[in-house]
Amino acid sequence: MTLEILTPDKKVFEGEVTAVTVPGTMGSFQILKDHAPIISTLEDGPVIIKSKTGEDTFIIKGGVVEVLKNKIIVLAEGVA
């Protein structure tokens, strides 16, 4: 899967991932390979990225996530 984390200022992250956990408005949820298409609003909180090289965490300030055909795009209002 590919993941992009974008803010109005810059691209924060782009790369191949095995799992992503995002802070959804109704609670955090994990996105794995072949996840159903979804668009969801996000709260302030951590985006946890798991890849073959390890785990990274970005703290976002709200936004939206879109998942479609193993491509995940996180549009964040900001990153702490």
Protein backbone atom coordinates (compact mmCIF):
# COMPACT_ATOMS: atom_id res chain seq x y z
CA MET A 1 0.00 0.00 0.00
CA THR A 2 1.11 3.56 -0.51
CA LEU A 3 0.51 6.34 1.99
CA GLU A 4 0.68 10.10 1.57
CA ILE A 5 0.28 12.54 4.47
CA LEU A 6 -0.29 16.08 3.22
CA THR A 7 -0.78 19.41 5.00
CA PRO A 8 -1.59 22.77 3.38
CA ASP A 9 2.15 23.60 3.64
CA LYS A 10 3.95 20.42 2.55
CA LYS A 11 4.04 16.68 1.98
CA VAL A 12 4.89 15.15 5.36
CA PHE A 13 5.21 11.50 4.37
CA GLU A 14 5.10 9.37 1.23
CA GLY A 15 5.96 5.69 1.02
CA GLU A 16 5.05 2.02 1.14
CA VAL A 17 3.35 0.82 4.32
CA THR A 18 1.91 -2.41 5.71
CA ALA A 19 -0.63 -0.83 8.13
CA VAL A 20 -1.83 2.62 9.16
CA THR A 21 -3.82 3.57 12.27
CA VAL A 22 -5.66 6.91 12.13
CA PRO A 23 -7.64 8.88 14.75
CA GLY A 24 -11.15 8.76 13.26
CA THR A 25 -13.91 11.01 14.57
CA MET A 26 -15.76 7.97 15.97
CA GLY A 27 -12.56 6.35 17.28
CA SER A 28 -9.25 5.27 15.84
CA PHE A 29 -9.16 2.56 13.18
CA GLN A 30 -6.56 0.59 11.27
CA ILE A 31 -6.19 0.35 7.50
CA LEU A 32 -4.68 -2.83 6.07
CA LYS A 33 -4.06 -4.08 2.52
CA ASP A 34 -7.23 -4.36 0.38
CA HIS A 35 -9.28 -2.20 2.80
CA ALA A 36 -12.70 -1.24 1.48
CA PRO A 37 -12.89 2.25 -0.07
CA ILE A 38 -13.58 4.85 2.64
CA ILE A 39 -13.51 8.57 3.30
CA SER A 40 -13.51 9.60 6.97
CA THR A 41 -12.95 12.72 9.03
CA LEU A 42 -10.08 12.68 11.51
CA GLU A 43 -9.61 14.13 14.99
CA ASP A 44 -6.39 15.47 16.51
CA GLY A 45 -4.17 12.53 17.36
CA PRO A 46 -1.54 10.06 16.21
CA VAL A 47 -1.20 8.50 12.77
CA ILE A 48 0.75 5.29 13.38
CA ILE A 49 2.54 3.95 10.30
CA LYS A 50 3.88 0.41 10.15
CA SER A 51 6.25 -0.59 7.37
CA LYS A 52 8.86 -3.24 6.70
CA THR A 53 11.50 -0.93 8.21
CA GLY A 54 9.65 -0.26 11.47
CA GLU A 55 7.07 2.10 12.92
CA ASP A 56 6.65 5.90 12.69
CA THR A 57 4.14 8.20 14.38
CA PHE A 58 2.93 11.63 13.30
CA ILE A 59 0.61 13.73 15.48
CA ILE A 60 -1.96 15.43 13.23
CA LYS A 61 -4.36 18.27 13.92
CA GLY A 62 -7.55 16.91 12.36
CA GLY A 63 -8.29 16.30 8.72
CA VAL A 64 -9.63 13.69 6.31
CA VAL A 65 -8.48 10.25 5.15
CA GLU A 66 -9.31 8.59 1.83
CA VAL A 67 -8.61 4.93 1.06
CA LEU A 68 -9.01 3.66 -2.51
CA LYS A 69 -7.30 0.71 -4.24
CA ASN A 70 -4.51 0.37 -1.65
CA LYS A 71 -3.67 4.09 -1.82
CA ILE A 72 -4.17 6.04 1.42
CA ILE A 73 -4.22 9.83 1.44
CA VAL A 74 -4.33 11.73 4.74
CA LEU A 75 -5.13 15.42 4.34
CA ALA A 76 -4.20 16.91 7.71
CA GLU A 77 -4.83 20.45 8.88
CA GLY A 78 -1.38 20.39 10.48
CA VAL A 79 1.27 18.17 12.01
CA ALA A 80 2.72 18.74 15.48
